[in-house]
Amino acid sequence: MIPGPLQTRAYITAVLTSLTRRRSIPDDIDDAVQIRVDKQTIINTGDRQFAVLLEENVLRHPIGGPETMAGQLGHLLTAGTLPSVSVGIIPLDADRSSLWPVEWLCR
């Protein structure tokens, strides 16, 4: 998924709508969307720096349909021009043959 501070209102709405349907939880989506949108000011205030690294499949698996995803992609492109935000994409065809997952043992 796209990280919260970079989600559009439509993307947030689609995500929360899906969650409320799947989990049969109360529909207070409008309030929750507004809260998330309000929190996004963090990328424009202060001297924080954000580095966002996404896998290409996040952009290829639509949430909310083509119009929502087109708006989300445009928003990512705009956010990437902010001085506080760096956006990187790992392409689908990236060679991962030298990368192996680290397994953690819990005791």
PDB file of N, CA and C in Angstrom:
ATOM      1  N   MET A   1       0.833  -1.186   0.000  1.00  0.00           N
ATOM      2  CA  MET A   1       0.000   0.000   0.000  1.00  0.00           C
ATOM      3  C   MET A   1       0.875   1.246   0.000  1.00  0.00           C
ATOM      4  N   ILE A   2       0.289   2.303  -0.461  1.00  0.00           N
ATOM      5  CA  ILE A   2       0.926   3.609  -0.405  1.00  0.00           C
ATOM      6  C   ILE A   2       0.966   4.026   1.071  1.00  0.00           C
ATOM      7  N   PRO A   3       2.073   4.565   1.565  1.00  0.00           N
ATOM      8  CA  PRO A   3       2.121   5.015   2.956  1.00  0.00           C
ATOM      9  C   PRO A   3       1.111   6.139   3.234  1.00  0.00           C
ATOM     10  N   GLY A   4       0.539   6.133   4.412  1.00  0.00           N
ATOM     11  CA  GLY A   4      -0.511   7.061   4.809  1.00  0.00           C
ATOM     12  C   GLY A   4      -0.286   8.525   4.482  1.00  0.00           C
ATOM     13  N   PRO A   5       0.878   9.092   4.794  1.00  0.00           N
ATOM     14  CA  PRO A   5       1.062  10.516   4.521  1.00  0.00           C
ATOM     15  C   PRO A   5       1.025  10.888   3.041  1.00  0.00           C
ATOM     16  N   LEU A   6       1.110   9.885   2.162  1.00  0.00           N
ATOM     17  CA  LEU A   6       1.104  10.151   0.727  1.00  0.00           C
ATOM     18  C   LEU A   6      -0.165   9.660   0.033  1.00  0.00           C
ATOM     19  N   GLN A   7      -1.143   9.227   0.804  1.00  0.00           N
ATOM     20  CA  GLN A   7      -2.394   8.739   0.221  1.00  0.00           C
ATOM     21  C   GLN A   7      -3.323   9.897  -0.121  1.00  0.00           C
ATOM     22  N   THR A   8      -4.045   9.753  -1.231  1.00  0.00           N
ATOM     23  CA  THR A   8      -5.071  10.734  -1.568  1.00  0.00           C
ATOM     24  C   THR A   8      -6.337  10.435  -0.769  1.00  0.00           C
ATOM     25  N   ARG A   9      -7.218  11.400  -0.734  1.00  0.00           N
ATOM     26  CA  ARG A   9      -8.507  11.219  -0.050  1.00  0.00           C
ATOM     27  C   ARG A   9      -9.266  10.025  -0.648  1.00  0.00           C
ATOM     28  N   ALA A  10      -9.258   9.902  -1.970  1.00  0.00           N
ATOM     29  CA  ALA A  10      -9.972   8.800  -2.624  1.00  0.00           C
ATOM     30  C   ALA A  10      -9.353   7.449  -2.279  1.00  0.00           C
ATOM     31  N   TYR A  11      -8.039   7.388  -2.229  1.00  0.00           N
ATOM     32  CA  TYR A  11      -7.334   6.150  -1.879  1.00  0.00           C
ATOM     33  C   TYR A  11      -7.655   5.751  -0.437  1.00  0.00           C
ATOM     34  N   ILE A  12      -7.581   6.710   0.464  1.00  0.00           N
ATOM     35  CA  ILE A  12      -7.914   6.446   1.872  1.00  0.00           C
ATOM     36  C   ILE A  12      -9.349   5.935   1.975  1.00  0.00           C
ATOM     37  N   THR A  13     -10.262   6.585   1.290  1.00  0.00           N
ATOM     38  CA  THR A  13     -11.671   6.177   1.326  1.00  0.00           C
ATOM     39  C   THR A  13     -11.832   4.748   0.824  1.00  0.00           C
ATOM     40  N   ALA A  14     -11.157   4.406  -0.259  1.00  0.00           N
ATOM     41  CA  ALA A  14     -11.248   3.042  -0.805  1.00  0.00           C
ATOM     42  C   ALA A  14     -10.703   2.016   0.180  1.00  0.00           C
ATOM     43  N   VAL A  15      -9.576   2.313   0.806  1.00  0.00           N
ATOM     44  CA  VAL A  15      -8.975   1.394   1.769  1.00  0.00           C
ATOM     45  C   VAL A  15      -9.910   1.188   2.962  1.00  0.00           C
ATOM     46  N   LEU A  16     -10.398   2.276   3.529  1.00  0.00           N
ATOM     47  CA  LEU A  16     -11.248   2.172   4.719  1.00  0.00           C
ATOM     48  C   LEU A  16     -12.601   1.540   4.399  1.00  0.00           C
ATOM     49  N   THR A  17     -13.137   1.814   3.227  1.00  0.00           N
ATOM     50  CA  THR A  17     -14.400   1.185   2.820  1.00  0.00           C
ATOM     51  C   THR A  17     -14.226  -0.322   2.733  1.00  0.00           C
ATOM     52  N   SER A  18     -13.138  -0.748   2.138  1.00  0.00           N
ATOM     53  CA  SER A  18     -12.850  -2.181   2.028  1.00  0.00           C
ATOM     54  C   SER A  18     -12.720  -2.822   3.406  1.00  0.00           C
ATOM     55  N   LEU A  19     -12.017  -2.152   4.310  1.00  0.00           N
ATOM     56  CA  LEU A  19     -11.838  -2.694   5.662  1.00  0.00           C
ATOM     57  C   LEU A  19     -13.157  -2.804   6.419  1.00  0.00           C
ATOM     58  N   THR A  20     -13.991  -1.775   6.323  1.00  0.00           N
ATOM     59  CA  THR A  20     -15.257  -1.822   7.068  1.00  0.00           C
ATOM     60  C   THR A  20     -16.165  -2.928   6.536  1.00  0.00           C
ATOM     61  N   ARG A  21     -16.117  -3.180   5.246  1.00  0.00           N
ATOM     62  CA  ARG A  21     -16.940  -4.262   4.676  1.00  0.00           C
ATOM     63  C   ARG A  21     -16.429  -5.631   5.081  1.00  0.00           C
ATOM     64  N   ARG A  22     -15.099  -5.807   5.016  1.00  0.00           N
ATOM     65  CA  ARG A  22     -14.514  -7.113   5.338  1.00  0.00           C
ATOM     66  C   ARG A  22     -14.638  -7.454   6.805  1.00  0.00           C
ATOM     67  N   ARG A  23     -14.521  -6.462   7.646  1.00  0.00           N
ATOM     68  CA  ARG A  23     -14.494  -6.734   9.088  1.00  0.00           C
ATOM     69  C   ARG A  23     -15.788  -6.405   9.800  1.00  0.00           C
ATOM     70  N   SER A  24     -16.780  -5.975   9.048  1.00  0.00           N
ATOM     71  CA  SER A  24     -18.081  -5.641   9.628  1.00  0.00           C
ATOM     72  C   SER A  24     -17.940  -4.692  10.818  1.00  0.00           C
ATOM     73  N   ILE A  25     -17.226  -3.606  10.602  1.00  0.00           N
ATOM     74  CA  ILE A  25     -17.060  -2.611  11.654  1.00  0.00           C
ATOM     75  C   ILE A  25     -17.875  -1.368  11.297  1.00  0.00           C
ATOM     76  N   PRO A  26     -18.136  -0.514  12.266  1.00  0.00           N
ATOM     77  CA  PRO A  26     -18.979   0.656  12.021  1.00  0.00           C
ATOM     78  C   PRO A  26     -18.443   1.545  10.891  1.00  0.00           C
ATOM     79  N   ASP A  27     -19.359   2.134  10.172  1.00  0.00           N
ATOM     80  CA  ASP A  27     -19.013   2.977   9.026  1.00  0.00           C
ATOM     81  C   ASP A  27     -18.888   4.434   9.479  1.00  0.00           C
ATOM     82  N   ASP A  28     -17.694   4.802   9.921  1.00  0.00           N
ATOM     83  CA  ASP A  28     -17.406   6.189  10.266  1.00  0.00           C
ATOM     84  C   ASP A  28     -16.281   6.684   9.349  1.00  0.00           C
ATOM     85  N   ILE A  29     -16.373   6.274   8.092  1.00  0.00           N
ATOM     86  CA  ILE A  29     -15.307   6.511   7.122  1.00  0.00           C
ATOM     87  C   ILE A  29     -15.023   7.990   6.918  1.00  0.00           C
ATOM     88  N   ASP A  30     -16.040   8.810   6.785  1.00  0.00           N
ATOM     89  CA  ASP A  30     -15.810  10.235   6.516  1.00  0.00           C
ATOM     90  C   ASP A  30     -14.937  10.873   7.594  1.00  0.00           C
ATOM     91  N   ASP A  31     -15.232  10.583   8.848  1.00  0.00           N
ATOM     92  CA  ASP A  31     -14.432  11.139   9.942  1.00  0.00           C
ATOM     93  C   ASP A  31     -13.008  10.589   9.917  1.00  0.00           C
ATOM     94  N   ALA A  32     -12.880   9.300   9.687  1.00  0.00           N
ATOM     95  CA  ALA A  32     -11.557   8.674   9.661  1.00  0.00           C
ATOM     96  C   ALA A  32     -10.719   9.201   8.498  1.00  0.00           C
ATOM     97  N   VAL A  33     -11.342   9.387   7.342  1.00  0.00           N
ATOM     98  CA  VAL A  33     -10.619   9.936   6.188  1.00  0.00           C
ATOM     99  C   VAL A  33     -10.114  11.335   6.515  1.00  0.00           C
ATOM    100  N   GLN A  34     -10.958  12.153   7.101  1.00  0.00           N
ATOM    101  CA  GLN A  34     -10.546  13.518   7.422  1.00  0.00           C
ATOM    102  C   GLN A  34      -9.390  13.542   8.410  1.00  0.00           C
ATOM    103  N   ILE A  35      -9.432  12.659   9.386  1.00  0.00           N
ATOM    104  CA  ILE A  35      -8.339  12.581  10.363  1.00  0.00           C
ATOM    105  C   ILE A  35      -7.034  12.227   9.664  1.00  0.00           C
ATOM    106  N   ARG A  36      -7.086  11.252   8.762  1.00  0.00           N
ATOM    107  CA  ARG A  36      -5.872  10.864   8.035  1.00  0.00           C
ATOM    108  C   ARG A  36      -5.362  11.991   7.148  1.00  0.00           C
ATOM    109  N   VAL A  37      -6.270  12.683   6.476  1.00  0.00           N
ATOM    110  CA  VAL A  37      -5.874  13.800   5.618  1.00  0.00           C
ATOM    111  C   VAL A  37      -5.237  14.902   6.467  1.00  0.00           C
ATOM    112  N   ASP A  38      -5.837  15.192   7.607  1.00  0.00           N
ATOM    113  CA  ASP A  38      -5.287  16.224   8.490  1.00  0.00           C
ATOM    114  C   ASP A  38      -3.870  15.883   8.957  1.00  0.00           C
ATOM    115  N   LYS A  39      -3.596  14.604   9.187  1.00  0.00           N
ATOM    116  CA  LYS A  39      -2.274  14.176   9.644  1.00  0.00           C
ATOM    117  C   LYS A  39      -1.212  14.313   8.556  1.00  0.00           C
ATOM    118  N   GLN A  40      -1.631  14.446   7.318  1.00  0.00           N
ATOM    119  CA  GLN A  40      -0.673  14.528   6.217  1.00  0.00           C
ATOM    120  C   GLN A  40       0.112  15.832   6.202  1.00  0.00           C
ATOM    121  N   THR A  41      -0.276  16.779   7.006  1.00  0.00           N
ATOM    122  CA  THR A  41       0.479  18.038   7.069  1.00  0.00           C
ATOM    123  C   THR A  41       1.903  17.799   7.551  1.00  0.00           C
ATOM    124  N   ILE A  42       2.152  16.641   8.133  1.00  0.00           N
ATOM    125  CA  ILE A  42       3.487  16.320   8.638  1.00  0.00           C
ATOM    126  C   ILE A  42       4.546  16.400   7.544  1.00  0.00           C
ATOM    127  N   ILE A  43       4.168  16.120   6.290  1.00  0.00           N
ATOM    128  CA  ILE A  43       5.173  16.158   5.219  1.00  0.00           C
ATOM    129  C   ILE A  43       5.500  17.584   4.777  1.00  0.00           C
ATOM    130  N   ASN A  44       4.688  18.544   5.202  1.00  0.00           N
ATOM    131  CA  ASN A  44       4.908  19.935   4.812  1.00  0.00           C
ATOM    132  C   ASN A  44       5.368  20.831   5.944  1.00  0.00           C
ATOM    133  N   THR A  45       5.474  20.290   7.148  1.00  0.00           N
ATOM    134  CA  THR A  45       5.830  21.115   8.294  1.00  0.00           C
ATOM    135  C   THR A  45       7.106  20.602   8.951  1.00  0.00           C
ATOM    136  N   GLY A  46       7.795  21.501   9.584  1.00  0.00           N
ATOM    137  CA  GLY A  46       9.003  21.125  10.297  1.00  0.00           C
ATOM    138  C   GLY A  46      10.148  20.800   9.360  1.00  0.00           C
ATOM    139  N   ASP A  47      11.180  20.221   9.933  1.00  0.00           N
ATOM    140  CA  ASP A  47      12.363  19.906   9.141  1.00  0.00           C
ATOM    141  C   ASP A  47      12.553  18.399   8.969  1.00  0.00           C
ATOM    142  N   ARG A  48      11.463  17.667   8.964  1.00  0.00           N
ATOM    143  CA  ARG A  48      11.520  16.216   8.789  1.00  0.00           C
ATOM    144  C   ARG A  48      11.802  15.865   7.332  1.00  0.00           C
ATOM    145  N   GLN A  49      12.443  14.730   7.142  1.00  0.00           N
ATOM    146  CA  GLN A  49      12.700  14.197   5.814  1.00  0.00           C
ATOM    147  C   GLN A  49      12.055  12.817   5.718  1.00  0.00           C
ATOM    148  N   PHE A  50      11.407  12.540   4.594  1.00  0.00           N
ATOM    149  CA  PHE A  50      10.743  11.267   4.386  1.00  0.00           C
ATOM    150  C   PHE A  50      11.316  10.586   3.150  1.00  0.00           C
ATOM    151  N   ALA A  51      11.757   9.359   3.327  1.00  0.00           N
ATOM    152  CA  ALA A  51      12.225   8.539   2.206  1.00  0.00           C
ATOM    153  C   ALA A  51      11.228   7.399   2.062  1.00  0.00           C
ATOM    154  N   VAL A  52      10.565   7.351   0.920  1.00  0.00           N
ATOM    155  CA  VAL A  52       9.530   6.350   0.675  1.00  0.00           C
ATOM    156  C   VAL A  52      10.008   5.436  -0.437  1.00  0.00           C
ATOM    157  N   LEU A  53      10.057   4.153  -0.154  1.00  0.00           N
ATOM    158  CA  LEU A  53      10.477   3.170  -1.131  1.00  0.00           C
ATOM    159  C   LEU A  53       9.322   2.202  -1.354  1.00  0.00           C
ATOM    160  N   LEU A  54       8.818   2.171  -2.571  1.00  0.00           N
ATOM    161  CA  LEU A  54       7.675   1.333  -2.920  1.00  0.00           C
ATOM    162  C   LEU A  54       8.086   0.280  -3.934  1.00  0.00           C
ATOM    163  N   GLU A  55       7.473  -0.857  -3.859  1.00  0.00           N
ATOM    164  CA  GLU A  55       7.638  -1.835  -4.932  1.00  0.00           C
ATOM    165  C   GLU A  55       6.632  -1.499  -6.021  1.00  0.00           C
ATOM    166  N   GLU A  56       7.024  -1.707  -7.252  1.00  0.00           N
ATOM    167  CA  GLU A  56       6.177  -1.359  -8.390  1.00  0.00           C
ATOM    168  C   GLU A  56       4.802  -2.016  -8.316  1.00  0.00           C
ATOM    169  N   ASN A  57       4.730  -3.215  -7.740  1.00  0.00           N
ATOM    170  CA  ASN A  57       3.430  -3.896  -7.675  1.00  0.00           C
ATOM    171  C   ASN A  57       2.398  -3.122  -6.860  1.00  0.00           C
ATOM    172  N   VAL A  58       2.840  -2.251  -5.956  1.00  0.00           N
ATOM    173  CA  VAL A  58       1.902  -1.404  -5.202  1.00  0.00           C
ATOM    174  C   VAL A  58       1.127  -0.502  -6.169  1.00  0.00           C
ATOM    175  N   LEU A  59       1.792  -0.070  -7.223  1.00  0.00           N
ATOM    176  CA  LEU A  59       1.157   0.807  -8.204  1.00  0.00           C
ATOM    177  C   LEU A  59       0.357   0.023  -9.243  1.00  0.00           C
ATOM    178  N   ARG A  60       0.634  -1.248  -9.359  1.00  0.00           N
ATOM    179  CA  ARG A  60      -0.036  -2.075 -10.369  1.00  0.00           C
ATOM    180  C   ARG A  60      -1.252  -2.825  -9.844  1.00  0.00           C
ATOM    181  N   HIS A  61      -1.412  -2.873  -8.539  1.00  0.00           N
ATOM    182  CA  HIS A  61      -2.576  -3.544  -7.943  1.00  0.00           C
ATOM    183  C   HIS A  61      -3.508  -2.465  -7.417  1.00  0.00           C
ATOM    184  N   PRO A  62      -4.499  -2.118  -8.221  1.00  0.00           N
ATOM    185  CA  PRO A  62      -5.335  -0.954  -7.903  1.00  0.00           C
ATOM    186  C   PRO A  62      -6.165  -1.111  -6.634  1.00  0.00           C
ATOM    187  N   ILE A  63      -6.252  -0.027  -5.944  1.00  0.00           N
ATOM    188  CA  ILE A  63      -7.164   0.110  -4.812  1.00  0.00           C
ATOM    189  C   ILE A  63      -8.087   1.262  -5.172  1.00  0.00           C
ATOM    190  N   GLY A  64      -9.367   0.990  -5.262  1.00  0.00           N
ATOM    191  CA  GLY A  64     -10.331   2.039  -5.567  1.00  0.00           C
ATOM    192  C   GLY A  64     -10.593   2.259  -7.045  1.00  0.00           C
ATOM    193  N   GLY A  65      -9.994   1.471  -7.906  1.00  0.00           N
ATOM    194  CA  GLY A  65     -10.260   1.579  -9.330  1.00  0.00           C
ATOM    195  C   GLY A  65      -9.298   2.490 -10.069  1.00  0.00           C
ATOM    196  N   PRO A  66      -9.414   2.518 -11.399  1.00  0.00           N
ATOM    197  CA  PRO A  66      -8.461   3.265 -12.231  1.00  0.00           C
ATOM    198  C   PRO A  66      -8.398   4.760 -11.937  1.00  0.00           C
ATOM    199  N   GLU A  67      -9.534   5.393 -11.711  1.00  0.00           N
ATOM    200  CA  GLU A  67      -9.537   6.835 -11.456  1.00  0.00           C
ATOM    201  C   GLU A  67      -8.828   7.165 -10.140  1.00  0.00           C
ATOM    202  N   THR A  68      -9.100   6.373  -9.126  1.00  0.00           N
ATOM    203  CA  THR A  68      -8.441   6.563  -7.829  1.00  0.00           C
ATOM    204  C   THR A  68      -6.940   6.362  -7.957  1.00  0.00           C
ATOM    205  N   MET A  69      -6.538   5.318  -8.674  1.00  0.00           N
ATOM    206  CA  MET A  69      -5.114   5.039  -8.823  1.00  0.00           C
ATOM    207  C   MET A  69      -4.413   6.095  -9.680  1.00  0.00           C
ATOM    208  N   ALA A  70      -5.094   6.606 -10.704  1.00  0.00           N
ATOM    209  CA  ALA A  70      -4.501   7.672 -11.518  1.00  0.00           C
ATOM    210  C   ALA A  70      -4.265   8.912 -10.662  1.00  0.00           C
ATOM    211  N   GLY A  71      -5.232   9.252  -9.836  1.00  0.00           N
ATOM    212  CA  GLY A  71      -5.069  10.386  -8.921  1.00  0.00           C
ATOM    213  C   GLY A  71      -3.970  10.132  -7.909  1.00  0.00           C
ATOM    214  N   GLN A  72      -3.883   8.897  -7.432  1.00  0.00           N
ATOM    215  CA  GLN A  72      -2.854   8.546  -6.451  1.00  0.00           C
ATOM    216  C   GLN A  72      -1.467   8.645  -7.076  1.00  0.00           C
ATOM    217  N   LEU A  73      -1.314   8.165  -8.295  1.00  0.00           N
ATOM    218  CA  LEU A  73      -0.023   8.253  -8.966  1.00  0.00           C
ATOM    219  C   LEU A  73       0.376   9.713  -9.189  1.00  0.00           C
ATOM    220  N   GLY A  74      -0.570  10.524  -9.617  1.00  0.00           N
ATOM    221  CA  GLY A  74      -0.290  11.956  -9.781  1.00  0.00           C
ATOM    222  C   GLY A  74       0.125  12.594  -8.473  1.00  0.00           C
ATOM    223  N   HIS A  75      -0.530  12.200  -7.396  1.00  0.00           N
ATOM    224  CA  HIS A  75      -0.195  12.738  -6.076  1.00  0.00           C
ATOM    225  C   HIS A  75       1.215  12.322  -5.657  1.00  0.00           C
ATOM    226  N   LEU A  76       1.590  11.063  -5.927  1.00  0.00           N
ATOM    227  CA  LEU A  76       2.942  10.602  -5.613  1.00  0.00           C
ATOM    228  C   LEU A  76       3.992  11.395  -6.391  1.00  0.00           C
ATOM    229  N   LEU A  77       3.700  11.652  -7.659  1.00  0.00           N
ATOM    230  CA  LEU A  77       4.635  12.429  -8.472  1.00  0.00           C
ATOM    231  C   LEU A  77       4.804  13.837  -7.914  1.00  0.00           C
ATOM    232  N   THR A  78       3.711  14.436  -7.489  1.00  0.00           N
ATOM    233  CA  THR A  78       3.767  15.774  -6.905  1.00  0.00           C
ATOM    234  C   THR A  78       4.503  15.752  -5.564  1.00  0.00           C
ATOM    235  N   ALA A  79       4.170  14.774  -4.723  1.00  0.00           N
ATOM    236  CA  ALA A  79       4.805  14.677  -3.408  1.00  0.00           C
ATOM    237  C   ALA A  79       6.307  14.471  -3.541  1.00  0.00           C
ATOM    238  N   GLY A  80       6.714  13.751  -4.561  1.00  0.00           N
ATOM    239  CA  GLY A  80       8.130  13.497  -4.780  1.00  0.00           C
ATOM    240  C   GLY A  80       8.924  14.743  -5.109  1.00  0.00           C
ATOM    241  N   THR A  81       8.247  15.819  -5.473  1.00  0.00           N
ATOM    242  CA  THR A  81       8.943  17.081  -5.761  1.00  0.00           C
ATOM    243  C   THR A  81       9.101  17.944  -4.515  1.00  0.00           C
ATOM    244  N   LEU A  82       8.454  17.560  -3.414  1.00  0.00           N
ATOM    245  CA  LEU A  82       8.584  18.319  -2.170  1.00  0.00           C
ATOM    246  C   LEU A  82      10.005  18.160  -1.628  1.00  0.00           C
ATOM    247  N   PRO A  83      10.557  19.211  -1.041  1.00  0.00           N
ATOM    248  CA  PRO A  83      11.915  19.114  -0.496  1.00  0.00           C
ATOM    249  C   PRO A  83      12.035  18.096   0.632  1.00  0.00           C
ATOM    250  N   SER A  84      10.943  17.782   1.309  1.00  0.00           N
ATOM    251  CA  SER A  84      10.986  16.872   2.442  1.00  0.00           C
ATOM    252  C   SER A  84      10.723  15.416   2.075  1.00  0.00           C
ATOM    253  N   VAL A  85      10.431  15.142   0.798  1.00  0.00           N
ATOM    254  CA  VAL A  85      10.018  13.794   0.403  1.00  0.00           C
ATOM    255  C   VAL A  85      10.883  13.276  -0.740  1.00  0.00           C
ATOM    256  N   SER A  86      11.374  12.050  -0.582  1.00  0.00           N
ATOM    257  CA  SER A  86      12.047  11.327  -1.656  1.00  0.00           C
ATOM    258  C   SER A  86      11.246  10.057  -1.902  1.00  0.00           C
ATOM    259  N   VAL A  87      10.909   9.793  -3.151  1.00  0.00           N
ATOM    260  CA  VAL A  87      10.145   8.605  -3.503  1.00  0.00           C
ATOM    261  C   VAL A  87      10.971   7.753  -4.449  1.00  0.00           C
ATOM    262  N   GLY A  88      11.094   6.478  -4.125  1.00  0.00           N
ATOM    263  CA  GLY A  88      11.791   5.530  -4.981  1.00  0.00           C
ATOM    264  C   GLY A  88      10.887   4.349  -5.282  1.00  0.00           C
ATOM    265  N   ILE A  89      11.089   3.762  -6.457  1.00  0.00           N
ATOM    266  CA  ILE A  89      10.282   2.610  -6.876  1.00  0.00           C
ATOM    267  C   ILE A  89      11.225   1.456  -7.202  1.00  0.00           C
ATOM    268  N   ILE A  90      10.971   0.291  -6.619  1.00  0.00           N
ATOM    269  CA  ILE A  90      11.702  -0.922  -6.964  1.00  0.00           C
ATOM    270  C   ILE A  90      10.951  -1.572  -8.114  1.00  0.00           C
ATOM    271  N   PRO A  91      11.577  -1.675  -9.290  1.00  0.00           N
ATOM    272  CA  PRO A  91      10.868  -2.226 -10.442  1.00  0.00           C
ATOM    273  C   PRO A  91      10.553  -3.712 -10.279  1.00  0.00           C
ATOM    274  N   LEU A  92       9.486  -4.149 -10.950  1.00  0.00           N
ATOM    275  CA  LEU A  92       9.080  -5.548 -10.895  1.00  0.00           C
ATOM    276  C   LEU A  92      10.189  -6.484 -11.344  1.00  0.00           C
ATOM    277  N   ASP A  93      10.980  -6.050 -12.315  1.00  0.00           N
ATOM    278  CA  ASP A  93      12.000  -6.934 -12.866  1.00  0.00           C
ATOM    279  C   ASP A  93      13.361  -6.785 -12.174  1.00  0.00           C
ATOM    280  N   ALA A  94      13.366  -6.200 -10.994  1.00  0.00           N
ATOM    281  CA  ALA A  94      14.630  -6.064 -10.252  1.00  0.00           C
ATOM    282  C   ALA A  94      15.174  -7.457  -9.925  1.00  0.00           C
ATOM    283  N   ASP A  95      16.451  -7.661 -10.168  1.00  0.00           N
ATOM    284  CA  ASP A  95      17.083  -8.947  -9.887  1.00  0.00           C
ATOM    285  C   ASP A  95      17.274  -9.089  -8.384  1.00  0.00           C
ATOM    286  N   ARG A  96      16.622 -10.064  -7.815  1.00  0.00           N
ATOM    287  CA  ARG A  96      16.706 -10.284  -6.370  1.00  0.00           C
ATOM    288  C   ARG A  96      17.415 -11.583  -6.041  1.00  0.00           C
ATOM    289  N   SER A  97      18.112 -12.136  -7.033  1.00  0.00           N
ATOM    290  CA  SER A  97      18.751 -13.436  -6.824  1.00  0.00           C
ATOM    291  C   SER A  97      19.822 -13.398  -5.732  1.00  0.00           C
ATOM    292  N   SER A  98      20.394 -12.240  -5.480  1.00  0.00           N
ATOM    293  CA  SER A  98      21.415 -12.154  -4.434  1.00  0.00           C
ATOM    294  C   SER A  98      20.819 -11.763  -3.082  1.00  0.00           C
ATOM    295  N   LEU A  99      19.519 -11.560  -3.044  1.00  0.00           N
ATOM    296  CA  LEU A  99      18.862 -11.185  -1.790  1.00  0.00           C
ATOM    297  C   LEU A  99      18.101 -12.371  -1.228  1.00  0.00           C
ATOM    298  N   TRP A 100      18.374 -12.701  -0.023  1.00  0.00           N
ATOM    299  CA  TRP A 100      17.665 -13.786   0.641  1.00  0.00           C
ATOM    300  C   TRP A 100      17.031 -13.235   1.903  1.00  0.00           C
ATOM    301  N   PRO A 101      15.818 -13.661   2.196  1.00  0.00           N
ATOM    302  CA  PRO A 101      15.172 -13.156   3.412  1.00  0.00           C
ATOM    303  C   PRO A 101      15.908 -13.631   4.663  1.00  0.00           C
ATOM    304  N   VAL A 102      15.957 -12.762   5.625  1.00  0.00           N
ATOM    305  CA  VAL A 102      16.564 -13.105   6.903  1.00  0.00           C
ATOM    306  C   VAL A 102      15.479 -13.721   7.762  1.00  0.00           C
ATOM    307  N   GLU A 103      15.792 -14.872   8.304  1.00  0.00           N
ATOM    308  CA  GLU A 103      14.828 -15.553   9.177  1.00  0.00           C
ATOM    309  C   GLU A 103      15.184 -15.248  10.623  1.00  0.00           C
ATOM    310  N   TRP A 104      14.177 -14.868  11.384  1.00  0.00           N
ATOM    311  CA  TRP A 104      14.384 -14.523  12.783  1.00  0.00           C
ATOM    312  C   TRP A 104      13.893 -15.662  13.649  1.00  0.00           C
ATOM    313  N   LEU A 105      14.665 -15.955  14.642  1.00  0.00           N
ATOM    314  CA  LEU A 105      14.272 -16.981  15.605  1.00  0.00           C
ATOM    315  C   LEU A 105      13.824 -16.280  16.875  1.00  0.00           C
ATOM    316  N   CYS A 106      12.647 -16.624  17.333  1.00  0.00           N
ATOM    317  CA  CYS A 106      12.128 -16.060  18.580  1.00  0.00           C
ATOM    318  C   CYS A 106      12.219 -17.111  19.664  1.00  0.00           C
ATOM    319  N   ARG A 107      12.785 -16.744  20.763  1.00  0.00           N
ATOM    320  CA  ARG A 107      12.893 -17.700  21.886  1.00  0.00           C
ATOM    321  C   ARG A 107      12.271 -17.118  23.104  1.00  0.00           C
TER     322      ARG A 107
END
